[in-house]
Amino acid sequence: MQTQKAMQTAESTSSPIFVEAEKLLEQMQKLTQSVAQRAYEFFEERGRMIGHELEDWFRAEAELLRPLPIEMKEDENRFTVRAEVPGFKAEEIKISAEPRQLLIEGKCEKAEQEETEKVVYSERRSNHFCRSLHLAAEIDPAGVSASIKDGVLEIVLPKVPEKQPVGVEVKVG
């Protein structure tokens, strides 16, 4: 993963925080459990009537997660990922880079409000997103950089140079 010096540099320049993939995967599992719990609540509200499980799941995801629109470009030396993250600060975004995978998570904390009414339907945006991208080529995780400007997160992932075949001379004797 990232070296301590690189992580300190990333934090000091107010860029998104780089974390180990295991931590993000654990958070993704917790998030999946939250979505499953909310989908089950929808199931119970309908009187446990079967046949709408997928609808309940998508409704729970839409309520708990914000979509993360991305654009990924590739050239011979790197991948460049741009994601729309309006309203998120650099310190609220966590990124993990592995040789063939990129994980991005963002969560902005909001003040807890006491609710006296039950939400029946909501189209408000969530304050949480999570995205995993599989990369078509191997990257150098230590060289990954990220910045955020005007609500757009840009991540540059340098590719590992392909190893060229080397000719071997056959000697007699």
N, C-alpha and C. Protein backbone atom coordinates (compact mmCIF):
# COMPACT_ATOMS: atom_id res chain seq x y z
N MET A 1 0.83 -1.18 0.00
CA MET A 1 0.00 0.00 0.00
C MET A 1 0.88 1.25 0.00
N GLN A 2 0.30 2.38 0.33
CA GLN A 2 1.04 3.64 0.29
C GLN A 2 2.04 3.73 1.42
N THR A 3 3.14 4.39 1.17
CA THR A 3 4.12 4.62 2.21
C THR A 3 3.62 5.72 3.13
N GLN A 4 4.18 5.76 4.35
CA GLN A 4 3.78 6.76 5.32
C GLN A 4 4.03 8.17 4.79
N LYS A 5 5.17 8.37 4.13
CA LYS A 5 5.50 9.69 3.60
C LYS A 5 4.48 10.13 2.55
N ALA A 6 4.12 9.22 1.66
CA ALA A 6 3.15 9.56 0.61
C ALA A 6 1.79 9.89 1.22
N MET A 7 1.40 9.16 2.28
CA MET A 7 0.12 9.43 2.92
C MET A 7 0.14 10.80 3.59
N GLN A 8 1.28 11.15 4.24
CA GLN A 8 1.38 12.45 4.87
C GLN A 8 1.31 13.56 3.83
N THR A 9 1.97 13.35 2.69
CA THR A 9 1.94 14.33 1.61
C THR A 9 0.51 14.50 1.11
N ALA A 10 -0.19 13.39 0.92
CA ALA A 10 -1.56 13.45 0.43
C ALA A 10 -2.44 14.23 1.40
N GLU A 11 -2.26 14.02 2.71
CA GLU A 11 -3.08 14.70 3.69
C GLU A 11 -2.71 16.17 3.77
N SER A 12 -1.42 16.50 3.67
CA SER A 12 -1.01 17.88 3.84
C SER A 12 -1.44 18.76 2.67
N THR A 13 -1.65 18.20 1.49
CA THR A 13 -2.07 18.99 0.35
C THR A 13 -3.59 19.01 0.21
N SER A 14 -4.30 18.57 1.25
CA SER A 14 -5.75 18.58 1.28
C SER A 14 -6.35 17.78 0.13
N SER A 15 -5.74 16.64 -0.13
CA SER A 15 -6.30 15.75 -1.15
C SER A 15 -7.04 14.62 -0.45
N PRO A 16 -7.82 13.82 -1.18
CA PRO A 16 -8.52 12.71 -0.57
C PRO A 16 -7.55 11.79 0.17
N ILE A 17 -8.06 11.10 1.15
CA ILE A 17 -7.24 10.23 1.98
C ILE A 17 -7.10 8.86 1.33
N PHE A 18 -5.87 8.36 1.28
CA PHE A 18 -5.61 7.02 0.77
C PHE A 18 -5.63 6.06 1.94
N VAL A 19 -6.36 4.95 1.80
CA VAL A 19 -6.45 3.96 2.86
C VAL A 19 -6.23 2.57 2.28
N GLU A 20 -6.02 1.62 3.18
CA GLU A 20 -5.84 0.24 2.74
C GLU A 20 -7.17 -0.33 2.24
N ALA A 21 -7.06 -1.18 1.27
CA ALA A 21 -8.26 -1.77 0.65
C ALA A 21 -9.09 -2.54 1.68
N GLU A 22 -8.45 -3.21 2.62
CA GLU A 22 -9.18 -3.99 3.62
C GLU A 22 -10.15 -3.13 4.41
N LYS A 23 -9.72 -1.91 4.76
CA LYS A 23 -10.60 -1.02 5.52
C LYS A 23 -11.81 -0.61 4.70
N LEU A 24 -11.58 -0.31 3.42
CA LEU A 24 -12.72 0.07 2.57
C LEU A 24 -13.64 -1.12 2.32
N LEU A 25 -13.07 -2.30 2.15
CA LEU A 25 -13.90 -3.49 1.93
C LEU A 25 -14.78 -3.77 3.15
N GLU A 26 -14.23 -3.58 4.35
CA GLU A 26 -15.01 -3.75 5.57
C GLU A 26 -16.17 -2.76 5.59
N GLN A 27 -15.89 -1.51 5.21
CA GLN A 27 -16.94 -0.50 5.19
C GLN A 27 -17.98 -0.82 4.13
N MET A 28 -17.55 -1.38 3.00
CA MET A 28 -18.49 -1.76 1.96
C MET A 28 -19.41 -2.88 2.46
N GLN A 29 -18.85 -3.81 3.25
CA GLN A 29 -19.67 -4.88 3.82
C GLN A 29 -20.70 -4.31 4.79
N LYS A 30 -20.29 -3.36 5.62
CA LYS A 30 -21.24 -2.73 6.55
C LYS A 30 -22.33 -2.01 5.78
N LEU A 31 -21.95 -1.35 4.71
CA LEU A 31 -22.91 -0.64 3.89
C LEU A 31 -23.92 -1.60 3.26
N THR A 32 -23.43 -2.73 2.78
CA THR A 32 -24.31 -3.75 2.20
C THR A 32 -25.29 -4.26 3.26
N GLN A 33 -24.81 -4.43 4.49
CA GLN A 33 -25.70 -4.85 5.57
C GLN A 33 -26.77 -3.79 5.85
N SER A 34 -26.39 -2.53 5.80
CA SER A 34 -27.36 -1.45 6.01
C SER A 34 -28.43 -1.45 4.92
N VAL A 35 -28.01 -1.65 3.68
CA VAL A 35 -28.96 -1.70 2.56
C VAL A 35 -29.89 -2.90 2.75
N ALA A 36 -29.33 -4.04 3.12
CA ALA A 36 -30.14 -5.24 3.33
C ALA A 36 -31.16 -5.02 4.45
N GLN A 37 -30.74 -4.38 5.53
CA GLN A 37 -31.64 -4.10 6.65
C GLN A 37 -32.78 -3.19 6.20
N ARG A 38 -32.44 -2.14 5.44
CA ARG A 38 -33.48 -1.21 4.99
C ARG A 38 -34.43 -1.91 4.00
N ALA A 39 -33.89 -2.75 3.12
CA ALA A 39 -34.74 -3.49 2.18
C ALA A 39 -35.69 -4.42 2.95
N TYR A 40 -35.20 -5.02 4.02
CA TYR A 40 -36.05 -5.89 4.84
C TYR A 40 -37.17 -5.07 5.51
N GLU A 41 -36.84 -3.84 5.91
CA GLU A 41 -37.86 -2.98 6.51
C GLU A 41 -38.97 -2.69 5.50
N PHE A 42 -38.60 -2.45 4.23
CA PHE A 42 -39.61 -2.25 3.19
C PHE A 42 -40.47 -3.50 3.02
N PHE A 43 -39.83 -4.66 3.06
CA PHE A 43 -40.52 -5.95 2.96
C PHE A 43 -41.54 -6.10 4.08
N GLU A 44 -41.13 -5.77 5.29
CA GLU A 44 -42.05 -5.87 6.43
C GLU A 44 -43.19 -4.86 6.31
N GLU A 45 -42.90 -3.65 5.84
CA GLU A 45 -43.94 -2.63 5.69
C GLU A 45 -45.02 -3.07 4.71
N ARG A 46 -44.67 -3.90 3.73
CA ARG A 46 -45.64 -4.40 2.76
C ARG A 46 -46.36 -5.64 3.28
N GLY A 47 -46.18 -5.98 4.55
CA GLY A 47 -46.85 -7.14 5.11
C GLY A 47 -46.16 -8.44 4.74
N ARG A 48 -44.86 -8.39 4.50
CA ARG A 48 -44.04 -9.57 4.16
C ARG A 48 -44.53 -10.27 2.89
N MET A 49 -45.03 -9.50 1.98
CA MET A 49 -45.50 -10.04 0.70
C MET A 49 -44.30 -10.24 -0.21
N ILE A 50 -44.11 -11.47 -0.67
CA ILE A 50 -42.95 -11.77 -1.51
C ILE A 50 -43.18 -11.33 -2.95
N GLY A 51 -42.07 -11.23 -3.70
CA GLY A 51 -42.16 -10.89 -5.12
C GLY A 51 -41.65 -9.51 -5.45
N HIS A 52 -41.25 -8.73 -4.45
CA HIS A 52 -40.77 -7.37 -4.69
C HIS A 52 -39.38 -7.15 -4.08
N GLU A 53 -38.62 -8.23 -3.93
CA GLU A 53 -37.33 -8.15 -3.24
C GLU A 53 -36.35 -7.23 -3.96
N LEU A 54 -36.26 -7.35 -5.27
CA LEU A 54 -35.34 -6.51 -6.04
C LEU A 54 -35.74 -5.04 -5.97
N GLU A 55 -37.02 -4.78 -6.07
CA GLU A 55 -37.53 -3.42 -5.94
C GLU A 55 -37.16 -2.84 -4.56
N ASP A 56 -37.33 -3.65 -3.51
CA ASP A 56 -36.98 -3.21 -2.16
C ASP A 56 -35.49 -2.92 -2.06
N TRP A 57 -34.68 -3.77 -2.67
CA TRP A 57 -33.22 -3.58 -2.60
C TRP A 57 -32.82 -2.27 -3.30
N PHE A 58 -33.33 -2.06 -4.50
CA PHE A 58 -32.98 -0.84 -5.24
C PHE A 58 -33.49 0.41 -4.52
N ARG A 59 -34.66 0.32 -3.93
CA ARG A 59 -35.21 1.45 -3.18
C ARG A 59 -34.32 1.77 -1.97
N ALA A 60 -33.85 0.72 -1.28
CA ALA A 60 -32.97 0.92 -0.13
C ALA A 60 -31.63 1.52 -0.57
N GLU A 61 -31.07 1.02 -1.67
CA GLU A 61 -29.82 1.57 -2.19
C GLU A 61 -29.98 3.05 -2.55
N ALA A 62 -31.07 3.37 -3.21
CA ALA A 62 -31.30 4.75 -3.63
C ALA A 62 -31.44 5.67 -2.41
N GLU A 63 -32.00 5.15 -1.34
CA GLU A 63 -32.19 5.94 -0.13
C GLU A 63 -30.87 6.12 0.63
N LEU A 64 -30.03 5.10 0.63
CA LEU A 64 -28.82 5.13 1.45
C LEU A 64 -27.55 5.53 0.71
N LEU A 65 -27.53 5.38 -0.61
CA LEU A 65 -26.31 5.65 -1.37
C LEU A 65 -26.54 6.71 -2.44
N ARG A 66 -25.53 7.48 -2.66
CA ARG A 66 -25.53 8.48 -3.72
C ARG A 66 -24.86 7.84 -4.94
N PRO A 67 -25.43 8.02 -6.13
CA PRO A 67 -24.74 7.51 -7.32
C PRO A 67 -23.43 8.28 -7.51
N LEU A 68 -22.44 7.62 -8.05
CA LEU A 68 -21.15 8.26 -8.29
C LEU A 68 -20.85 8.20 -9.78
N PRO A 69 -21.26 9.24 -10.52
CA PRO A 69 -20.96 9.26 -11.95
C PRO A 69 -19.45 9.42 -12.16
N ILE A 70 -18.90 8.58 -13.01
CA ILE A 70 -17.46 8.65 -13.27
C ILE A 70 -17.19 8.68 -14.77
N GLU A 71 -15.98 9.12 -15.07
CA GLU A 71 -15.44 9.06 -16.43
C GLU A 71 -14.02 8.52 -16.27
N MET A 72 -13.69 7.47 -17.02
CA MET A 72 -12.35 6.91 -16.96
C MET A 72 -11.72 6.99 -18.34
N LYS A 73 -10.52 7.55 -18.38
CA LYS A 73 -9.77 7.64 -19.63
C LYS A 73 -8.46 6.87 -19.45
N GLU A 74 -7.93 6.42 -20.58
CA GLU A 74 -6.70 5.64 -20.55
C GLU A 74 -5.80 6.08 -21.68
N ASP A 75 -4.51 6.19 -21.37
CA ASP A 75 -3.52 6.35 -22.43
C ASP A 75 -2.44 5.30 -22.16
N GLU A 76 -1.35 5.36 -22.87
CA GLU A 76 -0.36 4.29 -22.73
C GLU A 76 0.35 4.31 -21.38
N ASN A 77 0.31 5.42 -20.64
CA ASN A 77 1.03 5.53 -19.38
C ASN A 77 0.17 5.54 -18.13
N ARG A 78 -1.13 5.82 -18.26
CA ARG A 78 -1.95 5.96 -17.06
C ARG A 78 -3.44 5.88 -17.36
N PHE A 79 -4.19 5.70 -16.27
CA PHE A 79 -5.64 5.86 -16.28
C PHE A 79 -5.92 7.17 -15.56
N THR A 80 -6.95 7.87 -16.00
CA THR A 80 -7.41 9.06 -15.29
C THR A 80 -8.89 8.88 -15.02
N VAL A 81 -9.26 8.95 -13.75
CA VAL A 81 -10.65 8.79 -13.34
C VAL A 81 -11.15 10.13 -12.81
N ARG A 82 -12.29 10.57 -13.32
CA ARG A 82 -12.93 11.78 -12.83
C ARG A 82 -14.32 11.38 -12.31
N ALA A 83 -14.62 11.83 -11.09
CA ALA A 83 -15.90 11.51 -10.47
C ALA A 83 -16.54 12.79 -9.94
N GLU A 84 -17.84 12.89 -10.12
CA GLU A 84 -18.58 14.04 -9.63
C GLU A 84 -18.93 13.82 -8.15
N VAL A 85 -18.37 14.67 -7.28
CA VAL A 85 -18.59 14.54 -5.84
C VAL A 85 -18.98 15.89 -5.22
N PRO A 86 -20.01 16.56 -5.74
CA PRO A 86 -20.37 17.87 -5.20
C PRO A 86 -20.77 17.77 -3.73
N GLY A 87 -20.31 18.74 -2.96
CA GLY A 87 -20.66 18.78 -1.55
C GLY A 87 -19.71 18.01 -0.64
N PHE A 88 -18.77 17.27 -1.21
CA PHE A 88 -17.82 16.50 -0.41
C PHE A 88 -16.50 17.24 -0.31
N LYS A 89 -15.90 17.20 0.87
CA LYS A 89 -14.58 17.77 1.09
C LYS A 89 -13.55 16.67 0.90
N ALA A 90 -12.30 17.07 0.64
CA ALA A 90 -11.23 16.10 0.40
C ALA A 90 -11.10 15.11 1.55
N GLU A 91 -11.22 15.59 2.78
CA GLU A 91 -11.02 14.70 3.93
C GLU A 91 -12.18 13.73 4.14
N GLU A 92 -13.27 13.90 3.40
CA GLU A 92 -14.41 12.99 3.50
C GLU A 92 -14.37 11.88 2.46
N ILE A 93 -13.34 11.88 1.64
CA ILE A 93 -13.20 10.90 0.57
C ILE A 93 -12.02 10.00 0.87
N LYS A 94 -12.24 8.68 0.76
CA LYS A 94 -11.18 7.71 0.98
C LYS A 94 -10.97 6.91 -0.30
N ILE A 95 -9.71 6.69 -0.64
CA ILE A 95 -9.36 5.99 -1.87
C ILE A 95 -8.38 4.88 -1.54
N SER A 96 -8.58 3.74 -2.16
CA SER A 96 -7.64 2.64 -2.04
C SER A 96 -7.30 2.16 -3.45
N ALA A 97 -6.00 2.04 -3.72
CA ALA A 97 -5.56 1.59 -5.05
C ALA A 97 -4.76 0.31 -4.89
N GLU A 98 -5.11 -0.67 -5.69
CA GLU A 98 -4.39 -1.93 -5.77
C GLU A 98 -3.96 -2.09 -7.22
N PRO A 99 -3.10 -3.07 -7.52
CA PRO A 99 -2.61 -3.20 -8.89
C PRO A 99 -3.69 -3.25 -9.97
N ARG A 100 -4.86 -3.81 -9.70
CA ARG A 100 -5.91 -3.88 -10.72
C ARG A 100 -7.27 -3.41 -10.23
N GLN A 101 -7.30 -2.70 -9.10
CA GLN A 101 -8.59 -2.27 -8.57
C GLN A 101 -8.47 -0.91 -7.89
N LEU A 102 -9.53 -0.12 -8.03
CA LEU A 102 -9.62 1.17 -7.38
C LEU A 102 -10.92 1.20 -6.59
N LEU A 103 -10.83 1.56 -5.31
CA LEU A 103 -12.00 1.69 -4.46
C LEU A 103 -12.11 3.14 -4.03
N ILE A 104 -13.31 3.70 -4.15
CA ILE A 104 -13.55 5.09 -3.77
C ILE A 104 -14.76 5.12 -2.85
N GLU A 105 -14.61 5.80 -1.71
CA GLU A 105 -15.73 5.94 -0.80
C GLU A 105 -15.76 7.37 -0.29
N GLY A 106 -16.95 7.89 -0.14
CA GLY A 106 -17.11 9.22 0.42
C GLY A 106 -18.28 9.24 1.37
N LYS A 107 -18.08 9.92 2.47
CA LYS A 107 -19.17 10.03 3.45
C LYS A 107 -19.01 11.37 4.16
N CYS A 108 -20.04 12.20 4.05
CA CYS A 108 -20.00 13.46 4.79
C CYS A 108 -20.96 13.33 5.96
N GLU A 109 -20.44 13.69 7.09
CA GLU A 109 -21.22 13.59 8.32
C GLU A 109 -22.20 14.76 8.38
N LYS A 110 -23.38 14.47 8.82
CA LYS A 110 -24.35 15.54 9.02
C LYS A 110 -24.88 15.44 10.44
N ALA A 111 -25.32 16.54 10.93
CA ALA A 111 -25.83 16.57 12.30
C ALA A 111 -27.07 15.70 12.40
N GLU A 112 -27.15 14.94 13.48
CA GLU A 112 -28.32 14.09 13.70
C GLU A 112 -29.52 14.96 14.05
N GLN A 113 -30.64 14.64 13.44
CA GLN A 113 -31.87 15.36 13.73
C GLN A 113 -32.88 14.38 14.28
N GLU A 114 -33.62 14.81 15.25
CA GLU A 114 -34.66 13.95 15.79
C GLU A 114 -35.85 13.99 14.86
N GLU A 115 -36.25 12.82 14.40
CA GLU A 115 -37.37 12.76 13.48
C GLU A 115 -38.62 12.30 14.22
N THR A 116 -39.68 13.06 14.08
CA THR A 116 -40.93 12.67 14.72
C THR A 116 -41.85 11.99 13.71
N GLU A 117 -41.49 12.07 12.43
CA GLU A 117 -42.29 11.45 11.39
C GLU A 117 -41.50 10.34 10.71
N LYS A 118 -42.20 9.37 10.21
CA LYS A 118 -41.57 8.27 9.49
C LYS A 118 -41.49 8.64 8.01
N VAL A 119 -40.30 8.46 7.41
CA VAL A 119 -40.12 8.75 5.99
C VAL A 119 -40.75 7.61 5.19
N VAL A 120 -41.71 7.95 4.36
CA VAL A 120 -42.38 6.96 3.53
C VAL A 120 -41.70 6.88 2.17
N TYR A 121 -41.27 8.01 1.65
CA TYR A 121 -40.60 8.05 0.36
C TYR A 121 -39.72 9.29 0.34
N SER A 122 -38.51 9.15 -0.20
CA SER A 122 -37.60 10.29 -0.23
C SER A 122 -36.77 10.24 -1.50
N GLU A 123 -36.64 11.37 -2.17
CA GLU A 123 -35.77 11.47 -3.33
C GLU A 123 -34.57 12.35 -3.03
N ARG A 124 -34.34 12.63 -1.76
CA ARG A 124 -33.18 13.40 -1.36
C ARG A 124 -31.93 12.58 -1.57
N ARG A 125 -30.85 13.27 -1.82
CA ARG A 125 -29.59 12.59 -2.05
C ARG A 125 -28.97 12.15 -0.74
N SER A 126 -28.35 11.00 -0.78
CA SER A 126 -27.63 10.48 0.38
C SER A 126 -26.31 11.22 0.52
N ASN A 127 -25.69 11.07 1.66
CA ASN A 127 -24.40 11.69 1.90
C ASN A 127 -23.29 10.64 1.89
N HIS A 128 -23.50 9.56 1.16
CA HIS A 128 -22.57 8.44 1.16
C HIS A 128 -22.50 7.82 -0.24
N PHE A 129 -21.29 7.55 -0.72
CA PHE A 129 -21.14 6.82 -1.97
C PHE A 129 -20.00 5.82 -1.81
N CYS A 130 -20.03 4.81 -2.63
CA CYS A 130 -19.00 3.78 -2.61
C CYS A 130 -18.92 3.18 -4.00
N ARG A 131 -17.72 3.08 -4.54
CA ARG A 131 -17.56 2.57 -5.91
C ARG A 131 -16.28 1.76 -6.02
N SER A 132 -16.35 0.64 -6.70
CA SER A 132 -15.20 -0.21 -6.95
C SER A 132 -15.03 -0.33 -8.46
N LEU A 133 -13.81 -0.09 -8.95
CA LEU A 133 -13.53 -0.17 -10.38
C LEU A 133 -12.43 -1.19 -10.63
N HIS A 134 -12.68 -2.10 -11.57
CA HIS A 134 -11.65 -3.04 -12.00
C HIS A 134 -10.89 -2.40 -13.16
N LEU A 135 -9.57 -2.47 -13.09
CA LEU A 135 -8.74 -1.83 -14.10
C LEU A 135 -8.25 -2.84 -15.12
N ALA A 136 -8.18 -2.45 -16.38
CA ALA A 136 -7.81 -3.34 -17.48
C ALA A 136 -6.31 -3.60 -17.55
N ALA A 137 -5.52 -2.80 -16.84
CA ALA A 137 -4.07 -2.98 -16.83
C ALA A 137 -3.57 -2.75 -15.40
N GLU A 138 -2.39 -3.25 -15.12
CA GLU A 138 -1.83 -3.11 -13.78
C GLU A 138 -1.29 -1.70 -13.57
N ILE A 139 -1.57 -1.15 -12.37
CA ILE A 139 -1.08 0.18 -12.03
C ILE A 139 -0.08 0.10 -10.88
N ASP A 140 0.61 1.22 -10.65
CA ASP A 140 1.53 1.33 -9.52
C ASP A 140 0.79 2.05 -8.40
N PRO A 141 0.30 1.33 -7.37
CA PRO A 141 -0.48 1.97 -6.31
C PRO A 141 0.28 3.09 -5.59
N ALA A 142 1.59 2.98 -5.47
CA ALA A 142 2.36 4.01 -4.77
C ALA A 142 2.41 5.33 -5.54
N GLY A 143 2.15 5.30 -6.83
CA GLY A 143 2.22 6.50 -7.64
C GLY A 143 0.88 7.17 -7.89
N VAL A 144 -0.18 6.65 -7.30
CA VAL A 144 -1.52 7.19 -7.51
C VAL A 144 -1.63 8.56 -6.83
N SER A 145 -2.26 9.50 -7.52
CA SER A 145 -2.49 10.82 -6.93
C SER A 145 -3.96 11.19 -7.13
N ALA A 146 -4.45 12.04 -6.24
CA ALA A 146 -5.84 12.45 -6.33
C ALA A 146 -5.97 13.90 -5.89
N SER A 147 -6.92 14.60 -6.52
CA SER A 147 -7.21 15.98 -6.15
C SER A 147 -8.69 16.23 -6.37
N ILE A 148 -9.18 17.26 -5.70
CA ILE A 148 -10.59 17.61 -5.84
C ILE A 148 -10.68 19.11 -6.09
N LYS A 149 -11.49 19.47 -7.09
CA LYS A 149 -11.66 20.88 -7.43
C LYS A 149 -13.06 21.06 -8.02
N ASP A 150 -13.77 22.03 -7.50
CA ASP A 150 -15.11 22.36 -7.99
C ASP A 150 -16.04 21.15 -8.04
N GLY A 151 -15.96 20.29 -7.02
CA GLY A 151 -16.85 19.14 -6.94
C GLY A 151 -16.49 17.98 -7.84
N VAL A 152 -15.30 18.02 -8.45
CA VAL A 152 -14.85 16.93 -9.32
C VAL A 152 -13.58 16.33 -8.73
N LEU A 153 -13.64 15.05 -8.45
CA LEU A 153 -12.49 14.29 -7.95
C LEU A 153 -11.73 13.74 -9.15
N GLU A 154 -10.42 13.99 -9.20
CA GLU A 154 -9.60 13.44 -10.28
C GLU A 154 -8.53 12.55 -9.66
N ILE A 155 -8.47 11.32 -10.16
CA ILE A 155 -7.50 10.34 -9.68
C ILE A 155 -6.65 9.92 -10.86
N VAL A 156 -5.33 10.03 -10.71
CA VAL A 156 -4.40 9.63 -11.76
C VAL A 156 -3.71 8.36 -11.29
N LEU A 157 -3.82 7.30 -12.12
CA LEU A 157 -3.28 5.99 -11.79
C LEU A 157 -2.22 5.61 -12.82
N PRO A 158 -0.94 5.76 -12.45
CA PRO A 158 0.12 5.43 -13.42
C PRO A 158 0.20 3.92 -13.65
N LYS A 159 0.32 3.53 -14.90
CA LYS A 159 0.43 2.11 -15.25
C LYS A 159 1.84 1.61 -14.97
N VAL A 160 1.92 0.33 -14.67
CA VAL A 160 3.21 -0.33 -14.55
C VAL A 160 3.68 -0.60 -15.98
N PRO A 161 4.91 -0.19 -16.32
CA PRO A 161 5.37 -0.44 -17.69
C PRO A 161 5.37 -1.93 -18.01
N GLU A 162 4.90 -2.22 -19.22
CA GLU A 162 4.90 -3.62 -19.65
C GLU A 162 6.34 -4.08 -19.85
N LYS A 163 6.59 -5.29 -19.43
CA LYS A 163 7.93 -5.84 -19.60
C LYS A 163 8.09 -6.34 -21.02
N GLN A 164 9.15 -5.87 -21.64
CA GLN A 164 9.43 -6.25 -23.01
C GLN A 164 10.22 -7.56 -23.02
N PRO A 165 9.95 -8.43 -23.99
CA PRO A 165 10.72 -9.66 -24.07
C PRO A 165 12.20 -9.35 -24.34
N VAL A 166 13.02 -10.11 -23.72
CA VAL A 166 14.47 -9.92 -23.86
C VAL A 166 15.03 -11.09 -24.65
N GLY A 167 15.83 -10.77 -25.66
CA GLY A 167 16.48 -11.84 -26.43
C GLY A 167 17.65 -12.43 -25.63
N VAL A 168 17.76 -13.72 -25.70
CA VAL A 168 18.85 -14.41 -24.99
C VAL A 168 19.74 -15.07 -26.04
N GLU A 169 21.00 -14.78 -25.95
CA GLU A 169 21.98 -15.34 -26.89
C GLU A 169 22.32 -16.77 -26.47
N VAL A 170 22.31 -17.66 -27.43
CA VAL A 170 22.68 -19.03 -27.16
C VAL A 170 24.15 -19.20 -27.51
N LYS A 171 24.93 -19.61 -26.54
CA LYS A 171 26.37 -19.80 -26.74
C LYS A 171 26.68 -21.26 -27.02
N VAL A 172 27.68 -21.44 -27.78
CA VAL A 172 28.13 -22.81 -28.10
C VAL A 172 29.13 -23.22 -27.05
N GLY A 173 28.97 -24.41 -26.57
CA GLY A 173 30.00 -25.00 -25.76
C GLY A 173 29.92 -24.95 -24.35
